[in-house]
């Protein structure tokens, strides 16, 4: 297995550093553009769907639209993390149902569900890499390795981008590590994967983004939405456009098509369930603030919610921790009372 990982890593490194292209370790297809330099690609995240999808297969809305992805997906399909629910056991099912039938390269920015020990790395190689398409740079970051911080090697990827005159720089991560910098985003992405304390986006990452943005258009895609009123989030400031997108096996499921023509970037939203969608900029901070958490509660599903909670290891770990904390506090109080009584 480690030999296979070395070979995959060698191929990816050779393609990235020498040819400026990328070979997908999932289906061994190369990302290429034609002589015009124009291209398009499809992007979304959370391909395993809901955490209740324990089938070991990707989410149903993804598998149902493989033909569309193959026909319209462009030069690659970009996954923004949580490709797998259980990477330890799900790889064979993904190979059979997704990888072998996907006719375009698959690129993945790993999420928390993708990483258990080194299983992902042994199968698919490095989790941080970059490649060029035309006069654009595409950077894929692992935001799990340092709890949302970008380390020195990752920052070096961005530093190198400041030294070149790219038309566009596309950055792909699972976590929305940029959220904490914007006060207007308070209250959204509350239940997605965030850093335990804080991260170095504002202090170390954003200053490099500002430098890149003086010469290039910067687009930062992330795939951890949590509870969401739509499959898209869009925010633009003076230096970078932030986009978050993910599917969950819900009516709202949709994917984003990105097209680059003469260096200009355009977006098209595509529903996977036949829903009417607005243009991407519609799904901005105000839309989310107005709609997040507004979904009416279906009381008929209450037994299912209770069952899923009781079958969750997280719930029982919480119960155990709470019980131990309660016992400890009672022990402390008892000790304090005993000392007071003897004083």
Protein backbone atom coordinates (compact mmCIF):
# COMPACT_ATOMS: atom_id res chain seq x y z
CA UNK A 1 0.00 0.00 0.00
CA UNK A 2 2.82 2.42 0.84
CA UNK A 3 4.50 1.60 -2.47
CA UNK A 4 1.25 2.48 -4.26
CA UNK A 5 1.03 5.72 -2.26
CA UNK A 6 4.62 6.59 -3.23
CA UNK A 7 3.86 5.99 -6.93
CA UNK A 8 0.70 8.12 -6.74
CA UNK A 9 2.56 10.88 -4.93
CA UNK A 10 5.39 10.76 -7.47
CA UNK A 11 2.97 11.05 -10.40
CA UNK A 12 1.10 13.94 -8.80
CA UNK A 13 4.34 15.76 -7.98
CA UNK A 14 5.70 15.26 -11.49
CA UNK A 15 2.51 16.53 -13.09
CA UNK A 16 2.23 19.48 -10.75
CA UNK A 17 5.83 20.67 -10.77
CA UNK A 18 6.84 19.80 -14.31
CA UNK A 19 3.75 20.01 -16.46
CA UNK A 20 1.57 22.32 -14.41
CA UNK A 21 -1.24 19.77 -14.64
CA UNK A 22 -2.84 17.33 -12.20
CA UNK A 23 -3.59 13.61 -12.42
CA UNK A 24 -6.45 12.51 -10.20
CA UNK A 25 -5.44 9.68 -7.84
CA UNK A 26 -9.09 8.57 -7.76
CA UNK A 27 -9.52 7.68 -11.44
CA UNK A 28 -6.08 8.48 -12.94
CA UNK A 29 -7.49 11.09 -15.33
CA UNK A 30 -5.51 14.23 -16.08
CA UNK A 31 -6.83 17.78 -15.83
CA UNK A 32 -6.21 19.35 -19.25
CA UNK A 33 -7.42 22.35 -21.21
CA UNK A 34 -7.60 22.94 -24.94
CA UNK A 35 -5.46 25.34 -26.92
CA UNK A 36 -7.78 28.30 -26.20
CA UNK A 37 -7.05 28.18 -22.48
CA UNK A 38 -10.76 28.47 -21.71
CA UNK A 39 -12.26 25.81 -19.48
CA UNK A 40 -15.01 25.00 -16.99
CA UNK A 41 -15.39 22.77 -13.95
CA UNK A 42 -18.00 21.64 -11.44
CA UNK A 43 -17.58 22.08 -7.70
CA UNK A 44 -19.41 21.07 -4.51
CA UNK A 45 -18.68 19.43 -1.17
CA UNK A 46 -19.89 16.82 1.31
CA UNK A 47 -20.32 14.05 -1.25
CA UNK A 48 -21.16 11.50 1.44
CA UNK A 49 -24.37 13.41 2.14
CA UNK A 50 -25.94 13.26 5.59
CA UNK A 51 -24.15 11.57 8.47
CA UNK A 52 -27.12 9.20 8.55
CA UNK A 53 -26.08 7.86 5.14
CA UNK A 54 -24.22 4.80 6.44
CA UNK A 55 -24.53 2.83 3.19
CA UNK A 56 -20.86 3.32 2.38
CA UNK A 57 -21.82 4.92 -0.95
CA UNK A 58 -21.84 8.58 -2.04
CA UNK A 59 -25.03 10.59 -1.65
CA UNK A 60 -27.89 9.66 -3.99
CA UNK A 61 -28.15 13.06 -5.69
CA UNK A 62 -24.53 12.80 -6.79
CA UNK A 63 -24.81 9.28 -8.17
CA UNK A 64 -28.07 10.14 -9.95
CA UNK A 65 -26.31 12.93 -11.86
CA UNK A 66 -23.10 11.24 -12.95
CA UNK A 67 -24.18 11.39 -16.60
CA UNK A 68 -24.77 15.13 -16.29
CA UNK A 69 -21.42 15.62 -14.54
CA UNK A 70 -19.63 13.64 -17.24
CA UNK A 71 -21.31 15.68 -19.98
CA UNK A 72 -21.27 19.14 -18.37
CA UNK A 73 -18.59 18.89 -15.68
CA UNK A 74 -15.84 20.35 -17.80
CA UNK A 75 -12.19 19.61 -17.08
CA UNK A 76 -12.70 18.36 -13.51
CA UNK A 77 -15.08 17.73 -10.62
CA UNK A 78 -13.86 19.43 -7.44
CA UNK A 79 -14.91 17.98 -4.08
CA UNK A 80 -14.59 20.36 -1.15
CA UNK A 81 -14.06 17.71 1.47
CA UNK A 82 -16.02 15.04 3.33
CA UNK A 83 -15.85 12.98 0.17
CA UNK A 84 -16.21 9.92 2.42
CA UNK A 85 -18.22 9.39 5.58
CA UNK A 86 -16.02 6.51 6.78
CA UNK A 87 -12.77 6.43 4.82
CA UNK A 88 -11.75 3.24 6.64
CA UNK A 89 -14.52 1.19 5.02
CA UNK A 90 -16.05 3.17 2.15
CA UNK A 91 -13.27 3.25 -0.46
CA UNK A 92 -14.28 0.00 -2.27
CA UNK A 93 -17.88 1.18 -2.67
CA UNK A 94 -16.73 4.58 -3.96
CA UNK A 95 -14.41 2.92 -6.46
CA UNK A 96 -17.29 0.82 -7.78
CA UNK A 97 -20.04 3.43 -7.80
CA UNK A 98 -18.22 6.73 -8.46
CA UNK A 99 -14.56 6.60 -9.42
CA UNK A 100 -14.83 4.05 -12.24
CA UNK A 101 -17.85 5.77 -13.83
CA UNK A 102 -16.58 9.33 -13.51
CA UNK A 103 -15.15 10.34 -16.88
CA UNK A 104 -13.46 13.53 -15.70
CA UNK A 105 -10.75 13.97 -13.04
CA UNK A 106 -11.84 14.20 -9.42
CA UNK A 107 -10.00 16.64 -7.13
CA UNK A 108 -10.59 16.61 -3.36
CA UNK A 109 -9.79 19.11 -0.59
CA UNK A 110 -9.94 16.78 2.40
CA UNK A 111 -12.42 17.20 5.25
CA UNK A 112 -12.55 15.70 8.72
CA UNK A 113 -14.40 12.57 7.57
CA UNK A 114 -11.73 11.85 4.95
CA UNK A 115 -8.89 11.46 7.45
CA UNK A 116 -8.40 8.48 9.74
CA UNK A 117 -4.79 7.58 10.52
CA UNK A 118 -3.05 7.64 7.10
CA UNK A 119 -5.66 5.63 5.20
CA UNK A 120 -6.51 8.47 2.80
CA UNK A 121 -2.86 9.37 2.21
CA UNK A 122 -1.90 5.73 1.62
CA UNK A 123 -4.55 5.42 -1.08
CA UNK A 124 -4.56 8.87 -2.66
CA UNK A 125 -1.32 10.67 -1.77
CA UNK A 126 -0.74 14.24 -0.65
CA UNK A 127 -3.50 16.41 0.82
CA UNK A 128 -1.87 19.75 -0.11
CA UNK A 129 -0.98 20.49 -3.72
CA UNK A 130 -1.41 22.95 -6.57
CA UNK A 131 -1.59 22.92 -10.35
CA UNK A 132 -1.96 25.40 -13.20
CA UNK A 133 -4.63 25.62 -15.88
CA UNK A 134 -3.93 28.14 -18.58
CA UNK A 135 -2.91 31.29 -16.74
CA UNK A 136 -4.75 30.28 -13.56
CA UNK A 137 -3.47 28.71 -10.35
CA UNK A 138 -5.48 26.11 -8.41
CA UNK A 139 -4.44 25.45 -4.79
CA UNK A 140 -5.85 22.62 -2.66
CA UNK A 141 -5.36 22.91 1.10
CA UNK A 142 -5.81 20.44 3.94
CA UNK A 143 -7.48 22.49 6.70
CA UNK A 144 -7.73 19.53 9.10
CA UNK A 145 -4.04 18.96 9.79
CA UNK A 146 -3.64 22.02 12.06
CA UNK A 147 -7.24 22.62 13.16
CA UNK A 148 -7.76 25.34 10.56
CA UNK A 149 -4.34 26.99 10.73
CA UNK A 150 -2.29 27.07 7.54
CA UNK A 151 1.28 26.02 8.31
CA UNK A 152 4.53 27.32 6.85
CA UNK A 153 4.48 24.99 3.82
CA UNK A 154 0.90 25.93 2.99
CA UNK A 155 1.62 29.63 3.37
CA UNK A 156 4.54 29.12 1.00
CA UNK A 157 2.05 28.03 -1.69
CA UNK A 158 0.37 31.42 -1.32
CA UNK A 159 3.68 33.27 -1.17
CA UNK A 160 4.69 31.76 -4.51
CA UNK A 161 1.36 32.88 -5.96
CA UNK A 162 2.24 36.50 -5.10
CA UNK A 163 5.30 36.22 -7.33
CA UNK A 164 3.39 35.40 -10.54
CA UNK A 165 0.92 37.24 -12.73
CA UNK A 166 -2.00 34.81 -12.79
CA UNK A 167 -5.39 35.82 -14.14
CA UNK A 168 -7.15 33.89 -11.39
CA UNK A 169 -6.16 32.06 -8.24
CA UNK A 170 -8.62 29.40 -7.05
CA UNK A 171 -8.25 28.06 -3.50
CA UNK A 172 -10.11 24.98 -2.25
CA UNK A 173 -10.60 24.02 1.41
CA UNK A 174 -13.11 22.07 3.44
CA UNK A 175 -13.37 24.46 6.36
CA UNK A 176 -14.64 28.01 6.05
CA UNK A 177 -11.52 29.22 7.85
CA UNK A 178 -12.23 32.75 6.59
CA UNK A 179 -15.54 33.11 8.46
CA UNK A 180 -14.07 34.47 11.71
CA UNK A 181 -12.65 37.55 10.00
CA UNK A 182 -16.08 38.90 9.09
CA UNK A 183 -18.37 40.07 11.90
CA UNK A 184 -21.35 40.06 9.55
CA UNK A 185 -21.05 36.27 9.32
CA UNK A 186 -21.77 35.77 13.03
CA UNK A 187 -24.66 33.35 13.42
CA UNK A 188 -24.08 31.40 10.20
CA UNK A 189 -22.03 28.21 9.78
CA UNK A 190 -22.61 27.68 13.48
CA UNK A 191 -22.66 23.89 13.29
CA UNK A 192 -19.99 23.27 10.67
CA UNK A 193 -16.36 22.33 11.28
CA UNK A 194 -14.53 25.28 12.87
CA UNK A 195 -11.30 25.73 14.81
CA UNK A 196 -11.49 24.96 18.52
CA UNK A 197 -10.18 28.42 19.42
CA UNK A 198 -9.15 30.56 16.46
CA UNK A 199 -6.95 30.27 13.37
CA UNK A 200 -4.32 32.30 11.56
CA UNK A 201 -6.44 33.37 8.59
CA UNK A 202 -6.68 37.05 9.51
CA UNK A 203 -3.12 37.36 10.85
CA UNK A 204 -1.11 35.36 8.29
CA UNK A 205 -3.28 34.14 5.41
CA UNK A 206 -5.26 37.23 4.48
CA UNK A 207 -2.21 39.51 4.12
CA UNK A 208 -0.92 37.12 1.43
CA UNK A 209 -4.35 37.06 -0.21
CA UNK A 210 -4.26 40.85 -0.38
CA UNK A 211 -0.93 40.70 -2.20
CA UNK A 212 -2.21 38.10 -4.66
CA UNK A 213 -5.37 40.13 -5.28
CA UNK A 214 -3.34 43.11 -6.47
CA UNK A 215 -2.52 41.15 -9.61
CA UNK A 216 -5.08 38.30 -9.76
CA UNK A 217 -8.74 37.61 -9.04
CA UNK A 218 -8.97 35.33 -5.99
CA UNK A 219 -11.76 32.81 -5.42
CA UNK A 220 -11.86 30.80 -2.19
CA UNK A 221 -14.16 27.74 -2.19
CA UNK A 222 -15.10 25.83 0.98
CA UNK A 223 -17.35 22.82 1.51
CA UNK A 224 -18.40 22.73 5.18
CA UNK A 225 -21.83 24.37 5.47
CA UNK A 226 -23.51 22.59 8.37
CA UNK A 227 -27.23 23.33 8.61
CA UNK A 228 -27.91 25.45 5.55
CA UNK A 229 -30.85 27.19 3.85
CA UNK A 230 -29.26 26.60 0.43
CA UNK A 231 -26.40 24.72 -1.18
CA UNK A 232 -24.52 27.96 -1.81
CA UNK A 233 -23.00 30.85 0.13
CA UNK A 234 -21.43 33.85 -1.60
CA UNK A 235 -19.49 36.78 -0.19
CA UNK A 236 -17.29 39.26 -1.99
CA UNK A 237 -14.99 41.88 -0.56
CA UNK A 238 -12.38 44.07 -2.20
CA UNK A 239 -9.80 41.33 -2.43
CA UNK A 240 -11.42 37.91 -2.63
CA UNK A 241 -14.67 36.13 -3.46
CA UNK A 242 -15.68 33.49 -0.90
CA UNK A 243 -17.95 30.65 -1.97
CA UNK A 244 -19.19 27.75 0.12
CA UNK A 245 -21.14 24.91 -1.43
CA UNK A 246 -22.15 21.39 -0.40
CA UNK A 247 -24.80 18.73 -0.95
CA UNK A 248 -26.48 16.60 1.70
CA UNK A 249 -29.06 14.37 0.00
CA UNK A 250 -31.73 17.06 0.46
CA UNK A 251 -34.16 18.95 -1.77
CA UNK A 252 -31.78 21.91 -1.75
CA UNK A 253 -28.92 19.91 -3.32
CA UNK A 254 -27.22 21.79 -6.14
CA UNK A 255 -23.79 22.09 -7.71
CA UNK A 256 -21.86 25.05 -9.03
CA UNK A 257 -20.45 25.26 -12.53
CA UNK A 258 -17.49 27.59 -12.97
CA UNK A 259 -16.43 28.77 -16.42
CA UNK A 260 -13.28 30.68 -17.34
CA UNK A 261 -13.34 32.50 -20.66
CA UNK A 262 -10.61 34.96 -21.66
CA UNK A 263 -9.58 35.05 -18.02
CA UNK A 264 -13.07 36.05 -16.82
CA UNK A 265 -14.84 33.81 -14.29
CA UNK A 266 -18.59 33.14 -14.37
CA UNK A 267 -20.85 30.96 -12.23
CA UNK A 268 -23.94 28.89 -12.97
CA UNK A 269 -26.03 27.21 -10.27
CA UNK A 270 -27.44 23.77 -11.14
CA UNK A 271 -30.10 22.03 -9.07
CA UNK A 272 -29.86 18.26 -8.60
CA UNK A 273 -33.53 17.98 -7.67
CA UNK A 274 -35.29 20.19 -10.22
CA UNK A 275 -35.59 23.22 -7.94
CA UNK A 276 -35.59 26.79 -9.24
CA UNK A 277 -32.34 28.52 -8.31
CA UNK A 278 -31.28 32.15 -8.21
CA UNK A 279 -27.93 33.47 -9.46
CA UNK A 280 -25.03 32.68 -7.12
CA UNK A 281 -24.62 36.22 -5.63
CA UNK A 282 -28.19 35.98 -4.32
CA UNK A 283 -27.02 33.54 -1.63
CA UNK A 284 -25.13 36.23 0.28
CA UNK A 285 -24.74 37.04 3.97
CA UNK A 286 -28.13 38.74 4.10
CA UNK A 287 -29.87 35.75 2.53
CA UNK A 288 -28.29 33.45 5.10
CA UNK A 289 -29.03 35.74 8.02
CA UNK A 290 -32.66 35.92 6.89
CA UNK A 291 -33.09 32.19 6.27
CA UNK A 292 -30.70 30.10 8.39
CA UNK A 293 -32.58 28.05 10.97
CA UNK A 294 -35.97 29.07 9.56
CA UNK A 295 -36.95 25.62 8.34
CA UNK A 296 -40.17 24.52 10.10
CA UNK A 297 -39.78 21.55 12.40
CA UNK A 298 -41.50 18.36 11.24
CA UNK A 299 -42.89 16.77 14.39
CA UNK A 300 -43.53 13.51 12.54
CA UNK A 301 -39.76 13.08 12.32
CA UNK A 302 -39.28 13.44 16.08
CA UNK A 303 -39.03 9.65 16.69
CA UNK A 304 -36.35 9.43 13.97
CA UNK A 305 -34.38 12.34 15.50
CA UNK A 306 -34.55 10.69 18.93
CA UNK A 307 -33.43 7.34 17.50
CA UNK A 308 -30.50 8.93 15.62
CA UNK A 309 -29.45 10.78 18.78
CA UNK A 310 -29.57 7.66 20.95
CA UNK A 311 -27.56 5.70 18.37
CA UNK A 312 -24.89 8.40 18.15
CA UNK A 313 -21.56 7.76 19.90
CA UNK A 314 -21.17 11.52 20.30
CA UNK A 315 -24.33 11.63 22.42
CA UNK A 316 -23.14 8.87 24.75
CA UNK A 317 -19.67 10.38 25.07
CA UNK A 318 -21.42 13.60 26.07
CA UNK A 319 -23.52 11.75 28.63
CA UNK A 320 -20.42 10.08 30.07
CA UNK A 321 -18.49 13.35 30.23
CA UNK A 322 -21.45 15.10 31.83
CA UNK A 323 -21.85 12.34 34.42
CA UNK A 324 -18.15 12.36 35.31
CA UNK A 325 -18.18 16.15 35.55
CA UNK A 326 -21.23 16.00 37.86
CA UNK A 327 -19.57 13.37 40.10
CA UNK A 328 -16.34 15.40 40.21
CA UNK A 329 -18.15 18.62 41.15
CA UNK A 330 -20.09 16.83 43.89
CA UNK A 331 -16.82 15.37 45.22
CA UNK A 332 -15.23 18.85 45.27
CA UNK A 333 -18.25 20.32 47.08
CA UNK A 334 -18.18 17.48 49.59
CA UNK A 335 -14.49 18.08 50.28
CA UNK A 336 -15.03 21.81 50.72
CA UNK A 337 -17.92 21.24 53.14
CA UNK A 338 -15.88 18.71 55.08
CA UNK A 339 -13.04 21.21 55.50
CA UNK A 340 -15.43 23.95 56.55
CA UNK A 341 -17.02 21.68 59.15
CA UNK A 342 -13.60 20.88 60.60
CA UNK A 343 -12.38 24.45 60.66
